[in-house]
C-alpha atoms as a PDB file:
ATOM      1  CA  GLN A   1     -18.319   0.186  -4.140  1.00  0.00           C
ATOM      2  CA  VAL A   2     -14.972   1.767  -3.331  1.00  0.00           C
ATOM      3  CA  GLN A   3     -12.694   3.645  -5.683  1.00  0.00           C
ATOM      4  CA  LEU A   4      -9.027   3.904  -4.848  1.00  0.00           C
ATOM      5  CA  VAL A   5      -6.601   6.478  -6.234  1.00  0.00           C
ATOM      6  CA  GLU A   6      -2.881   6.221  -5.518  1.00  0.00           C
ATOM      7  CA  SER A   7      -0.446   9.110  -5.654  1.00  0.00           C
ATOM      8  CA  GLY A   8       3.043  10.004  -4.541  1.00  0.00           C
ATOM      9  CA  GLY A   9       5.109   7.807  -6.810  1.00  0.00           C
ATOM     10  CA  GLY A  10       8.117   9.089  -8.690  1.00  0.00           C
ATOM     11  CA  LEU A  11      11.828   8.811  -9.316  1.00  0.00           C
ATOM     12  CA  VAL A  12      14.182   8.753  -6.350  1.00  0.00           C
ATOM     13  CA  GLN A  13      17.815   7.831  -5.774  1.00  0.00           C
ATOM     14  CA  THR A  14      18.943   4.854  -3.749  1.00  0.00           C
ATOM     15  CA  GLY A  15      18.547   5.618  -0.069  1.00  0.00           C
ATOM     16  CA  GLY A  16      15.843   8.178  -0.663  1.00  0.00           C
ATOM     17  CA  SER A  17      12.270   8.316   0.568  1.00  0.00           C
ATOM     18  CA  LEU A  18       8.789   8.579  -0.856  1.00  0.00           C
ATOM     19  CA  ARG A  19       5.354   8.629   0.683  1.00  0.00           C
ATOM     20  CA  LEU A  20       2.545   7.033  -1.230  1.00  0.00           C
ATOM     21  CA  SER A  21      -1.073   7.932  -0.578  1.00  0.00           C
ATOM     22  CA  CYS A  22      -4.221   6.055  -1.447  1.00  0.00           C
ATOM     23  CA  ALA A  23      -7.443   8.022  -1.284  1.00  0.00           C
ATOM     24  CA  ALA A  24     -10.655   6.040  -1.072  1.00  0.00           C
ATOM     25  CA  SER A  25     -14.160   7.079  -1.976  1.00  0.00           C
ATOM     26  CA  GLY A  26     -17.157   6.012   0.036  1.00  0.00           C
ATOM     27  CA  ARG A  27     -18.335   6.526   3.564  1.00  0.00           C
ATOM     28  CA  THR A  28     -17.337   3.158   4.971  1.00  0.00           C
ATOM     29  CA  PHE A  29     -13.583   3.415   4.603  1.00  0.00           C
ATOM     30  CA  SER A  30     -13.128   2.785   8.298  1.00  0.00           C
ATOM     31  CA  THR A  31     -14.524  -0.735   7.887  1.00  0.00           C
ATOM     32  CA  TYR A  32     -11.979  -1.693   5.208  1.00  0.00           C
ATOM     33  CA  ALA A  33      -8.681  -3.425   5.682  1.00  0.00           C
ATOM     34  CA  MET A  34      -6.148  -1.793   3.357  1.00  0.00           C
ATOM     35  CA  GLY A  35      -3.112  -3.214   1.675  1.00  0.00           C
ATOM     36  CA  TRP A  36      -0.220  -2.180  -0.532  1.00  0.00           C
ATOM     37  CA  PHE A  37       1.133  -4.449  -3.242  1.00  0.00           C
ATOM     38  CA  ARG A  38       3.727  -3.947  -5.942  1.00  0.00           C
ATOM     39  CA  GLN A  39       4.558  -5.379  -9.318  1.00  0.00           C
ATOM     40  CA  ALA A  40       7.923  -5.086 -11.008  1.00  0.00           C
ATOM     41  CA  PRO A  41       8.313  -5.718 -14.753  1.00  0.00           C
ATOM     42  CA  GLY A  42       8.197  -9.434 -15.491  1.00  0.00           C
ATOM     43  CA  ASN A  43       7.209 -10.287 -11.925  1.00  0.00           C
ATOM     44  CA  GLU A  44       3.976 -11.206 -10.243  1.00  0.00           C
ATOM     45  CA  ARG A  45       2.207  -8.726  -8.019  1.00  0.00           C
ATOM     46  CA  GLU A  46       3.450  -9.166  -4.471  1.00  0.00           C
ATOM     47  CA  PHE A  47       2.349  -8.168  -1.022  1.00  0.00           C
ATOM     48  CA  VAL A  48       4.094  -5.217   0.634  1.00  0.00           C
ATOM     49  CA  ALA A  49       2.118  -4.171   3.699  1.00  0.00           C
ATOM     50  CA  ALA A  50      -1.380  -4.176   5.128  1.00  0.00           C
ATOM     51  CA  ILE A  51      -3.302  -2.531   7.935  1.00  0.00           C
ATOM     52  CA  SER A  52      -6.533  -3.574   9.592  1.00  0.00           C
ATOM     53  CA  TRP A  53      -9.590  -1.335   9.644  1.00  0.00           C
ATOM     54  CA  SER A  54      -8.756  -0.056  13.133  1.00  0.00           C
ATOM     55  CA  GLY A  55      -5.062   0.359  12.448  1.00  0.00           C
ATOM     56  CA  GLY A  56      -4.393  -1.970  15.336  1.00  0.00           C
ATOM     57  CA  ASN A  57      -2.958  -4.777  13.243  1.00  0.00           C
ATOM     58  CA  ILE A  58      -0.209  -4.275  10.697  1.00  0.00           C
ATOM     59  CA  TYR A  59       1.885  -6.679   8.680  1.00  0.00           C
ATOM     60  CA  TYR A  60       4.881  -6.178   6.386  1.00  0.00           C
ATOM     61  CA  ALA A  61       6.667  -8.294   3.853  1.00  0.00           C
ATOM     62  CA  ASP A  62      10.123  -9.239   5.072  1.00  0.00           C
ATOM     63  CA  SER A  63      11.689  -7.336   2.188  1.00  0.00           C
ATOM     64  CA  VAL A  64      10.363  -3.995   3.429  1.00  0.00           C
ATOM     65  CA  LYS A  65      10.238  -4.517   7.188  1.00  0.00           C
ATOM     66  CA  GLY A  66      12.070  -1.742   8.986  1.00  0.00           C
ATOM     67  CA  ARG A  67      12.068   0.517   5.925  1.00  0.00           C
ATOM     68  CA  PHE A  68       8.376   0.975   5.069  1.00  0.00           C
ATOM     69  CA  THR A  69       5.564   2.134   7.334  1.00  0.00           C
ATOM     70  CA  ILE A  70       1.857   1.814   6.594  1.00  0.00           C
ATOM     71  CA  THR A  71      -0.617   4.106   8.315  1.00  0.00           C
ATOM     72  CA  ARG A  72      -4.182   5.196   7.794  1.00  0.00           C
ATOM     73  CA  ASP A  73      -6.312   8.228   8.536  1.00  0.00           C
ATOM     74  CA  ASN A  74      -9.944   7.155   8.589  1.00  0.00           C
ATOM     75  CA  ALA A  75     -11.121  10.755   8.872  1.00  0.00           C
ATOM     76  CA  LYS A  76      -9.453  11.470   5.512  1.00  0.00           C
ATOM     77  CA  ASN A  77     -10.282   8.116   3.900  1.00  0.00           C
ATOM     78  CA  THR A  78      -6.613   7.700   3.141  1.00  0.00           C
ATOM     79  CA  VAL A  79      -3.941   5.090   3.672  1.00  0.00           C
ATOM     80  CA  TYR A  80      -0.244   5.912   3.406  1.00  0.00           C
ATOM     81  CA  LEU A  81       2.946   4.038   2.738  1.00  0.00           C
ATOM     82  CA  GLN A  82       6.076   5.802   3.931  1.00  0.00           C
ATOM     83  CA  MET A  83       9.057   4.299   2.160  1.00  0.00           C
ATOM     84  CA  ASN A  84      12.553   5.002   3.439  1.00  0.00           C
ATOM     85  CA  SER A  85      15.989   3.680   2.492  1.00  0.00           C
ATOM     86  CA  LEU A  86      14.726   2.824  -0.950  1.00  0.00           C
ATOM     87  CA  LYS A  87      16.635   0.351  -3.072  1.00  0.00           C
ATOM     88  CA  PRO A  88      16.669  -0.265  -6.831  1.00  0.00           C
ATOM     89  CA  GLU A  89      14.837  -3.546  -6.217  1.00  0.00           C
ATOM     90  CA  ASP A  90      11.912  -1.538  -4.829  1.00  0.00           C
ATOM     91  CA  THR A  91      11.253  -0.251  -8.349  1.00  0.00           C
ATOM     92  CA  ALA A  92       7.713  -1.278  -9.260  1.00  0.00           C
ATOM     93  CA  VAL A  93       4.169  -0.121  -9.771  1.00  0.00           C
ATOM     94  CA  PHE A  94       2.597   0.144  -6.341  1.00  0.00           C
ATOM     95  CA  TYR A  95      -1.088  -0.636  -5.882  1.00  0.00           C
ATOM     96  CA  CYS A  96      -3.378  -0.132  -2.954  1.00  0.00           C
ATOM     97  CA  ALA A  97      -6.220  -2.507  -2.268  1.00  0.00           C
ATOM     98  CA  ALA A  98      -9.243  -2.624   0.015  1.00  0.00           C
ATOM     99  CA  ARG A  99     -11.299  -5.336   1.616  1.00  0.00           C
ATOM    100  CA  ASN A 100     -14.509  -4.762   3.530  1.00  0.00           C
ATOM    101  CA  ILE A 101     -14.163  -7.003   6.545  1.00  0.00           C
ATOM    102  CA  TYR A 102     -15.685  -6.851  10.006  1.00  0.00           C
ATOM    103  CA  TYR A 103     -12.819  -8.559  11.776  1.00  0.00           C
ATOM    104  CA  ASP A 104      -9.698  -6.604  12.662  1.00  0.00           C
ATOM    105  CA  VAL A 105      -7.458  -8.722  10.456  1.00  0.00           C
ATOM    106  CA  VAL A 106      -4.693  -8.080   7.981  1.00  0.00           C
ATOM    107  CA  PRO A 107      -5.253  -9.761   4.601  1.00  0.00           C
ATOM    108  CA  ARG A 108      -2.040 -10.606   2.759  1.00  0.00           C
ATOM    109  CA  ARG A 109      -3.118 -12.412  -0.397  1.00  0.00           C
ATOM    110  CA  LEU A 110      -4.185 -10.718  -3.607  1.00  0.00           C
ATOM    111  CA  ASP A 111      -7.377 -12.744  -3.786  1.00  0.00           C
ATOM    112  CA  GLU A 112      -8.458 -11.513  -0.372  1.00  0.00           C
ATOM    113  CA  TYR A 113      -8.978  -7.980  -1.622  1.00  0.00           C
ATOM    114  CA  ASP A 114     -12.099  -6.668  -3.301  1.00  0.00           C
ATOM    115  CA  TYR A 115     -11.000  -3.336  -4.747  1.00  0.00           C
ATOM    116  CA  TRP A 116      -7.815  -2.107  -6.411  1.00  0.00           C
ATOM    117  CA  GLY A 117      -6.380   1.189  -7.476  1.00  0.00           C
ATOM    118  CA  GLN A 118      -4.721   1.877 -10.818  1.00  0.00           C
ATOM    119  CA  GLY A 119      -1.226   2.000  -9.384  1.00  0.00           C
ATOM    120  CA  THR A 120       1.578   4.522  -9.096  1.00  0.00           C
ATOM    121  CA  GLN A 121       5.088   4.049 -10.447  1.00  0.00           C
ATOM    122  CA  VAL A 122       8.051   4.081  -8.089  1.00  0.00           C
ATOM    123  CA  THR A 123      11.498   4.086  -9.660  1.00  0.00           C
ATOM    124  CA  VAL A 124      14.654   3.924  -7.590  1.00  0.00           C
ATOM    125  CA  SER A 125      17.854   4.761  -9.434  1.00  0.00           C
ATOM    126  CA  SER A 126      21.214   3.333  -8.435  1.00  0.00           C
END
């Protein structure tokens, strides 16, 4: 069992930056692929970025490529999402997710993940 707790959300102006953190419980964090998803009001939850257990494979949604960076620190059981050049359309609740998988892959679908955090709100004002 893994528990995920996101933090770092908030209100920021267009063009600003935020760094989200997702702290995971458990001693096997290093064997989990980690992902970030977001859900805006009235929309379905969508993929943002994901990182394999080793950190060697990373994938981004086209909408955030070049602006967001996902990293992980296995010693701290934490995955991060650095978000730069934020836009009003980035406003959403951001969720982190975990999947225990042996292969060094990058899951991108919601149904590929086993554990979810409660989410953190990101609001970008225009």
